Structures are given as structure tokens and as C-alpha cells.
Amino acid sequence: MQDYGKIIFKIDQVLEEKNISKNKLEKEAKLQRTQLNSYCNNKVKRLDLETIAKICHVLDCRIEDIMEYKR
């Protein structure tokens, strides 16, 4: 099986830098806590573009601030 690398979420890091709680992000982005935790804990198998957009909007950041590709 070929290793294509992986996408790493850095949402917790951005939350800490901006001093925003997960509760605030959850409420303002209208996400379920389990969904947010899946992203924060890198357990997501398929990305939802609307969810990514909501997170970026609430955190006032770019996609590359919350995600990175590692080989």
C-alpha cells in the first residue's frame, strides 16, 4: 500500500493562539462537539468544505493556518 502522507489539523493550536475556547468555536460555527473533536483529534476521514469554511470564518484564519500536509 502506498503512503501518500496525511493531513494534520492544527485547530487546537489556533484556538490557543487566539485565546478562543472550543465551546465558542462550536457555537459560533454551529458544529456538533463530536464533529469538532474529530477535526481537532485528526480523526476525520472525509473533509467537509462547509465545515472547514465555518471554522476558518470563526477563527478568522486561512485554511493553511488550521491544516497542513505531511509526507
PDB file of N, CA and C in Angstrom:
ATOM      1  N   MET A   1       0.844  -1.182   0.000  1.00  0.00           N
ATOM      2  CA  MET A   1       0.000   0.000   0.000  1.00  0.00           C
ATOM      3  C   MET A   1       0.889   1.245   0.000  1.00  0.00           C
ATOM      4  N   GLN A   2       0.552   2.172  -0.853  1.00  0.00           N
ATOM      5  CA  GLN A   2       1.357   3.386  -0.986  1.00  0.00           C
ATOM      6  C   GLN A   2       1.020   4.391   0.112  1.00  0.00           C
ATOM      7  N   ASP A   3       2.055   5.039   0.638  1.00  0.00           N
ATOM      8  CA  ASP A   3       1.865   6.060   1.671  1.00  0.00           C
ATOM      9  C   ASP A   3       1.828   7.426   0.999  1.00  0.00           C
ATOM     10  N   TYR A   4       0.681   8.064   1.053  1.00  0.00           N
ATOM     11  CA  TYR A   4       0.505   9.372   0.420  1.00  0.00           C
ATOM     12  C   TYR A   4       0.721  10.518   1.401  1.00  0.00           C
ATOM     13  N   GLY A   5       1.092  10.221   2.620  1.00  0.00           N
ATOM     14  CA  GLY A   5       1.202  11.253   3.641  1.00  0.00           C
ATOM     15  C   GLY A   5      -0.151  11.454   4.303  1.00  0.00           C
ATOM     16  N   LYS A   6      -0.271  12.541   5.056  1.00  0.00           N
ATOM     17  CA  LYS A   6      -1.557  12.789   5.709  1.00  0.00           C
ATOM     18  C   LYS A   6      -1.754  14.273   5.973  1.00  0.00           C
ATOM     19  N   ILE A   7      -3.004  14.607   6.200  1.00  0.00           N
ATOM     20  CA  ILE A   7      -3.393  15.972   6.545  1.00  0.00           C
ATOM     21  C   ILE A   7      -3.452  16.055   8.067  1.00  0.00           C
ATOM     22  N   ILE A   8      -2.797  17.049   8.616  1.00  0.00           N
ATOM     23  CA  ILE A   8      -2.787  17.269  10.061  1.00  0.00           C
ATOM     24  C   ILE A   8      -3.577  18.541  10.364  1.00  0.00           C
ATOM     25  N   PHE A   9      -4.511  18.442  11.286  1.00  0.00           N
ATOM     26  CA  PHE A   9      -5.271  19.617  11.712  1.00  0.00           C
ATOM     27  C   PHE A   9      -4.585  20.287  12.894  1.00  0.00           C
ATOM     28  N   LYS A  10      -4.519  21.599  12.838  1.00  0.00           N
ATOM     29  CA  LYS A  10      -3.872  22.388  13.894  1.00  0.00           C
ATOM     30  C   LYS A  10      -4.887  23.328  14.553  1.00  0.00           C
ATOM     31  N   ILE A  11      -6.139  22.900  14.629  1.00  0.00           N
ATOM     32  CA  ILE A  11      -7.211  23.743  15.164  1.00  0.00           C
ATOM     33  C   ILE A  11      -6.950  24.085  16.621  1.00  0.00           C
ATOM     34  N   ASP A  12      -6.541  23.084  17.428  1.00  0.00           N
ATOM     35  CA  ASP A  12      -6.258  23.350  18.844  1.00  0.00           C
ATOM     36  C   ASP A  12      -5.187  24.426  19.011  1.00  0.00           C
ATOM     37  N   GLN A  13      -4.183  24.368  18.172  1.00  0.00           N
ATOM     38  CA  GLN A  13      -3.089  25.344  18.220  1.00  0.00           C
ATOM     39  C   GLN A  13      -3.617  26.762  17.925  1.00  0.00           C
ATOM     40  N   VAL A  14      -4.468  26.886  16.912  1.00  0.00           N
ATOM     41  CA  VAL A  14      -5.027  28.197  16.554  1.00  0.00           C
ATOM     42  C   VAL A  14      -5.958  28.686  17.655  1.00  0.00           C
ATOM     43  N   LEU A  15      -6.746  27.785  18.226  1.00  0.00           N
ATOM     44  CA  LEU A  15      -7.625  28.165  19.338  1.00  0.00           C
ATOM     45  C   LEU A  15      -6.803  28.754  20.482  1.00  0.00           C
ATOM     46  N   GLU A  16      -5.708  28.097  20.805  1.00  0.00           N
ATOM     47  CA  GLU A  16      -4.853  28.574  21.895  1.00  0.00           C
ATOM     48  C   GLU A  16      -4.217  29.925  21.560  1.00  0.00           C
ATOM     49  N   GLU A  17      -3.706  30.059  20.333  1.00  0.00           N
ATOM     50  CA  GLU A  17      -3.072  31.318  19.926  1.00  0.00           C
ATOM     51  C   GLU A  17      -4.039  32.487  19.976  1.00  0.00           C
ATOM     52  N   LYS A  18      -5.291  32.231  19.607  1.00  0.00           N
ATOM     53  CA  LYS A  18      -6.292  33.298  19.552  1.00  0.00           C
ATOM     54  C   LYS A  18      -7.115  33.390  20.832  1.00  0.00           C
ATOM     55  N   ASN A  19      -6.789  32.526  21.796  1.00  0.00           N
ATOM     56  CA  ASN A  19      -7.487  32.514  23.083  1.00  0.00           C
ATOM     57  C   ASN A  19      -9.008  32.359  22.907  1.00  0.00           C
ATOM     58  N   ILE A  20      -9.383  31.364  22.097  1.00  0.00           N
ATOM     59  CA  ILE A  20     -10.786  31.053  21.831  1.00  0.00           C
ATOM     60  C   ILE A  20     -11.046  29.643  22.340  1.00  0.00           C
ATOM     61  N   SER A  21     -12.169  29.458  23.009  1.00  0.00           N
ATOM     62  CA  SER A  21     -12.491  28.127  23.537  1.00  0.00           C
ATOM     63  C   SER A  21     -13.160  27.267  22.466  1.00  0.00           C
ATOM     64  N   LYS A  22     -13.070  25.955  22.672  1.00  0.00           N
ATOM     65  CA  LYS A  22     -13.766  25.031  21.773  1.00  0.00           C
ATOM     66  C   LYS A  22     -15.263  25.275  21.832  1.00  0.00           C
ATOM     67  N   ASN A  23     -15.767  25.607  23.016  1.00  0.00           N
ATOM     68  CA  ASN A  23     -17.203  25.874  23.161  1.00  0.00           C
ATOM     69  C   ASN A  23     -17.630  27.039  22.276  1.00  0.00           C
ATOM     70  N   LYS A  24     -16.837  28.105  22.266  1.00  0.00           N
ATOM     71  CA  LYS A  24     -17.162  29.272  21.450  1.00  0.00           C
ATOM     72  C   LYS A  24     -17.126  28.903  19.965  1.00  0.00           C
ATOM     73  N   LEU A  25     -16.096  28.182  19.545  1.00  0.00           N
ATOM     74  CA  LEU A  25     -15.995  27.761  18.151  1.00  0.00           C
ATOM     75  C   LEU A  25     -17.175  26.875  17.779  1.00  0.00           C
ATOM     76  N   GLU A  26     -17.497  25.941  18.636  1.00  0.00           N
ATOM     77  CA  GLU A  26     -18.618  25.026  18.397  1.00  0.00           C
ATOM     78  C   GLU A  26     -19.917  25.798  18.179  1.00  0.00           C
ATOM     79  N   LYS A  27     -20.194  26.754  19.053  1.00  0.00           N
ATOM     80  CA  LYS A  27     -21.446  27.518  18.973  1.00  0.00           C
ATOM     81  C   LYS A  27     -21.470  28.456  17.776  1.00  0.00           C
ATOM     82  N   GLU A  28     -20.394  29.206  17.582  1.00  0.00           N
ATOM     83  CA  GLU A  28     -20.389  30.205  16.507  1.00  0.00           C
ATOM     84  C   GLU A  28     -20.327  29.566  15.121  1.00  0.00           C
ATOM     85  N   ALA A  29     -19.697  28.412  15.012  1.00  0.00           N
ATOM     86  CA  ALA A  29     -19.615  27.722  13.720  1.00  0.00           C
ATOM     87  C   ALA A  29     -20.788  26.765  13.524  1.00  0.00           C
ATOM     88  N   LYS A  30     -21.634  26.654  14.542  1.00  0.00           N
ATOM     89  CA  LYS A  30     -22.794  25.749  14.507  1.00  0.00           C
ATOM     90  C   LYS A  30     -22.372  24.323  14.178  1.00  0.00           C
ATOM     91  N   LEU A  31     -21.405  23.827  14.950  1.00  0.00           N
ATOM     92  CA  LEU A  31     -20.908  22.466  14.792  1.00  0.00           C
ATOM     93  C   LEU A  31     -21.326  21.623  15.983  1.00  0.00           C
ATOM     94  N   GLN A  32     -21.406  20.325  15.775  1.00  0.00           N
ATOM     95  CA  GLN A  32     -21.616  19.413  16.896  1.00  0.00           C
ATOM     96  C   GLN A  32     -20.264  19.178  17.548  1.00  0.00           C
ATOM     97  N   ARG A  33     -20.254  18.978  18.858  1.00  0.00           N
ATOM     98  CA  ARG A  33     -18.990  18.793  19.575  1.00  0.00           C
ATOM     99  C   ARG A  33     -18.223  17.579  19.063  1.00  0.00           C
ATOM    100  N   THR A  34     -18.933  16.494  18.758  1.00  0.00           N
ATOM    101  CA  THR A  34     -18.251  15.297  18.258  1.00  0.00           C
ATOM    102  C   THR A  34     -17.587  15.578  16.909  1.00  0.00           C
ATOM    103  N   GLN A  35     -18.248  16.373  16.076  1.00  0.00           N
ATOM    104  CA  GLN A  35     -17.679  16.738  14.774  1.00  0.00           C
ATOM    105  C   GLN A  35     -16.416  17.580  14.967  1.00  0.00           C
ATOM    106  N   LEU A  36     -16.484  18.574  15.839  1.00  0.00           N
ATOM    107  CA  LEU A  36     -15.331  19.431  16.111  1.00  0.00           C
ATOM    108  C   LEU A  36     -14.185  18.602  16.700  1.00  0.00           C
ATOM    109  N   ASN A  37     -14.490  17.722  17.620  1.00  0.00           N
ATOM    110  CA  ASN A  37     -13.451  16.875  18.218  1.00  0.00           C
ATOM    111  C   ASN A  37     -12.790  15.971  17.181  1.00  0.00           C
ATOM    112  N   SER A  38     -13.564  15.492  16.227  1.00  0.00           N
ATOM    113  CA  SER A  38     -12.988  14.663  15.156  1.00  0.00           C
ATOM    114  C   SER A  38     -11.932  15.441  14.377  1.00  0.00           C
ATOM    115  N   TYR A  39     -12.223  16.695  14.083  1.00  0.00           N
ATOM    116  CA  TYR A  39     -11.247  17.529  13.374  1.00  0.00           C
ATOM    117  C   TYR A  39     -10.046  17.817  14.275  1.00  0.00           C
ATOM    118  N   CYS A  40     -10.293  18.194  15.504  1.00  0.00           N
ATOM    119  CA  CYS A  40      -9.206  18.540  16.428  1.00  0.00           C
ATOM    120  C   CYS A  40      -8.291  17.346  16.707  1.00  0.00           C
ATOM    121  N   ASN A  41      -8.860  16.142  16.734  1.00  0.00           N
ATOM    122  CA  ASN A  41      -8.090  14.938  17.055  1.00  0.00           C
ATOM    123  C   ASN A  41      -7.615  14.182  15.821  1.00  0.00           C
ATOM    124  N   ASN A  42      -7.721  14.815  14.661  1.00  0.00           N
ATOM    125  CA  ASN A  42      -7.278  14.210  13.396  1.00  0.00           C
ATOM    126  C   ASN A  42      -7.925  12.852  13.138  1.00  0.00           C
ATOM    127  N   LYS A  43      -9.210  12.748  13.397  1.00  0.00           N
ATOM    128  CA  LYS A  43      -9.951  11.504  13.183  1.00  0.00           C
ATOM    129  C   LYS A  43     -10.868  11.581  11.964  1.00  0.00           C
ATOM    130  N   VAL A  44     -10.796  12.664  11.197  1.00  0.00           N
ATOM    131  CA  VAL A  44     -11.672  12.870  10.054  1.00  0.00           C
ATOM    132  C   VAL A  44     -11.153  12.070   8.859  1.00  0.00           C
ATOM    133  N   LYS A  45     -12.050  11.340   8.213  1.00  0.00           N
ATOM    134  CA  LYS A  45     -11.674  10.563   7.032  1.00  0.00           C
ATOM    135  C   LYS A  45     -12.017  11.314   5.746  1.00  0.00           C
ATOM    136  N   ARG A  46     -13.081  12.098   5.779  1.00  0.00           N
ATOM    137  CA  ARG A  46     -13.500  12.880   4.621  1.00  0.00           C
ATOM    138  C   ARG A  46     -13.782  14.308   5.071  1.00  0.00           C
ATOM    139  N   LEU A  47     -13.169  15.236   4.351  1.00  0.00           N
ATOM    140  CA  LEU A  47     -13.328  16.643   4.703  1.00  0.00           C
ATOM    141  C   LEU A  47     -14.664  17.180   4.202  1.00  0.00           C
ATOM    142  N   ASP A  48     -15.279  18.014   5.013  1.00  0.00           N
ATOM    143  CA  ASP A  48     -16.483  18.723   4.616  1.00  0.00           C
ATOM    144  C   ASP A  48     -16.086  20.182   4.415  1.00  0.00           C
ATOM    145  N   LEU A  49     -16.175  20.655   3.175  1.00  0.00           N
ATOM    146  CA  LEU A  49     -15.703  22.005   2.865  1.00  0.00           C
ATOM    147  C   LEU A  49     -16.479  23.082   3.609  1.00  0.00           C
ATOM    148  N   GLU A  50     -17.757  22.873   3.831  1.00  0.00           N
ATOM    149  CA  GLU A  50     -18.549  23.858   4.580  1.00  0.00           C
ATOM    150  C   GLU A  50     -18.064  23.941   6.027  1.00  0.00           C
ATOM    151  N   THR A  51     -17.750  22.812   6.612  1.00  0.00           N
ATOM    152  CA  THR A  51     -17.235  22.794   7.987  1.00  0.00           C
ATOM    153  C   THR A  51     -15.896  23.518   8.069  1.00  0.00           C
ATOM    154  N   ILE A  52     -15.002  23.259   7.113  1.00  0.00           N
ATOM    155  CA  ILE A  52     -13.702  23.934   7.079  1.00  0.00           C
ATOM    156  C   ILE A  52     -13.907  25.442   6.942  1.00  0.00           C
ATOM    157  N   ALA A  53     -14.834  25.846   6.065  1.00  0.00           N
ATOM    158  CA  ALA A  53     -15.115  27.267   5.864  1.00  0.00           C
ATOM    159  C   ALA A  53     -15.656  27.905   7.134  1.00  0.00           C
ATOM    160  N   LYS A  54     -16.542  27.216   7.839  1.00  0.00           N
ATOM    161  CA  LYS A  54     -17.094  27.741   9.096  1.00  0.00           C
ATOM    162  C   LYS A  54     -15.992  27.948  10.132  1.00  0.00           C
ATOM    163  N   ILE A  55     -15.114  26.959  10.261  1.00  0.00           N
ATOM    164  CA  ILE A  55     -14.022  27.040  11.231  1.00  0.00           C
ATOM    165  C   ILE A  55     -13.105  28.213  10.892  1.00  0.00           C
ATOM    166  N   CYS A  56     -12.745  28.342   9.622  1.00  0.00           N
ATOM    167  CA  CYS A  56     -11.876  29.456   9.202  1.00  0.00           C
ATOM    168  C   CYS A  56     -12.554  30.803   9.440  1.00  0.00           C
ATOM    169  N   HIS A  57     -13.841  30.870   9.183  1.00  0.00           N
ATOM    170  CA  HIS A  57     -14.574  32.126   9.383  1.00  0.00           C
ATOM    171  C   HIS A  57     -14.567  32.537  10.855  1.00  0.00           C
ATOM    172  N   VAL A  58     -14.916  31.610  11.723  1.00  0.00           N
ATOM    173  CA  VAL A  58     -14.985  31.920  13.157  1.00  0.00           C
ATOM    174  C   VAL A  58     -13.600  32.241  13.710  1.00  0.00           C
ATOM    175  N   LEU A  59     -12.581  31.507  13.271  1.00  0.00           N
ATOM    176  CA  LEU A  59     -11.231  31.735  13.771  1.00  0.00           C
ATOM    177  C   LEU A  59     -10.521  32.874  13.038  1.00  0.00           C
ATOM    178  N   ASP A  60     -11.166  33.403  12.008  1.00  0.00           N
ATOM    179  CA  ASP A  60     -10.589  34.480  11.198  1.00  0.00           C
ATOM    180  C   ASP A  60      -9.182  34.099  10.743  1.00  0.00           C
ATOM    181  N   CYS A  61      -9.122  32.957  10.043  1.00  0.00           N
ATOM    182  CA  CYS A  61      -7.832  32.442   9.599  1.00  0.00           C
ATOM    183  C   CYS A  61      -7.953  31.854   8.200  1.00  0.00           C
ATOM    184  N   ARG A  62      -6.836  31.427   7.660  1.00  0.00           N
ATOM    185  CA  ARG A  62      -6.799  30.775   6.351  1.00  0.00           C
ATOM    186  C   ARG A  62      -6.739  29.263   6.544  1.00  0.00           C
ATOM    187  N   ILE A  63      -7.044  28.545   5.492  1.00  0.00           N
ATOM    188  CA  ILE A  63      -7.026  27.077   5.558  1.00  0.00           C
ATOM    189  C   ILE A  63      -5.664  26.575   6.014  1.00  0.00           C
ATOM    190  N   GLU A  64      -4.592  27.159   5.478  1.00  0.00           N
ATOM    191  CA  GLU A  64      -3.259  26.682   5.835  1.00  0.00           C
ATOM    192  C   GLU A  64      -2.903  26.950   7.302  1.00  0.00           C
ATOM    193  N   ASP A  65      -3.687  27.784   7.982  1.00  0.00           N
ATOM    194  CA  ASP A  65      -3.472  28.007   9.411  1.00  0.00           C
ATOM    195  C   ASP A  65      -3.989  26.843  10.251  1.00  0.00           C
ATOM    196  N   ILE A  66      -4.990  26.119   9.738  1.00  0.00           N
ATOM    197  CA  ILE A  66      -5.591  25.039  10.523  1.00  0.00           C
ATOM    198  C   ILE A  66      -5.274  23.646   9.985  1.00  0.00           C
ATOM    199  N   MET A  67      -4.665  23.567   8.792  1.00  0.00           N
ATOM    200  CA  MET A  67      -4.354  22.273   8.187  1.00  0.00           C
ATOM    201  C   MET A  67      -2.954  22.297   7.597  1.00  0.00           C
ATOM    202  N   GLU A  68      -2.309  21.144   7.615  1.00  0.00           N
ATOM    203  CA  GLU A  68      -1.024  21.039   6.922  1.00  0.00           C
ATOM    204  C   GLU A  68      -0.875  19.616   6.394  1.00  0.00           C
ATOM    205  N   TYR A  69      -0.150  19.507   5.299  1.00  0.00           N
ATOM    206  CA  TYR A  69       0.108  18.217   4.681  1.00  0.00           C
ATOM    207  C   TYR A  69       1.503  17.748   5.083  1.00  0.00           C
ATOM    208  N   LYS A  70       1.576  16.509   5.571  1.00  0.00           N
ATOM    209  CA  LYS A  70       2.860  15.914   5.950  1.00  0.00           C
ATOM    210  C   LYS A  70       3.073  14.643   5.142  1.00  0.00           C
ATOM    211  N   ARG A  71       4.271  14.518   4.608  1.00  0.00           N
ATOM    212  CA  ARG A  71       4.625  13.305   3.848  1.00  0.00           C
ATOM    213  C   ARG A  71       5.063  12.209   4.776  1.00  0.00           C
TER     214      ARG A  71
END
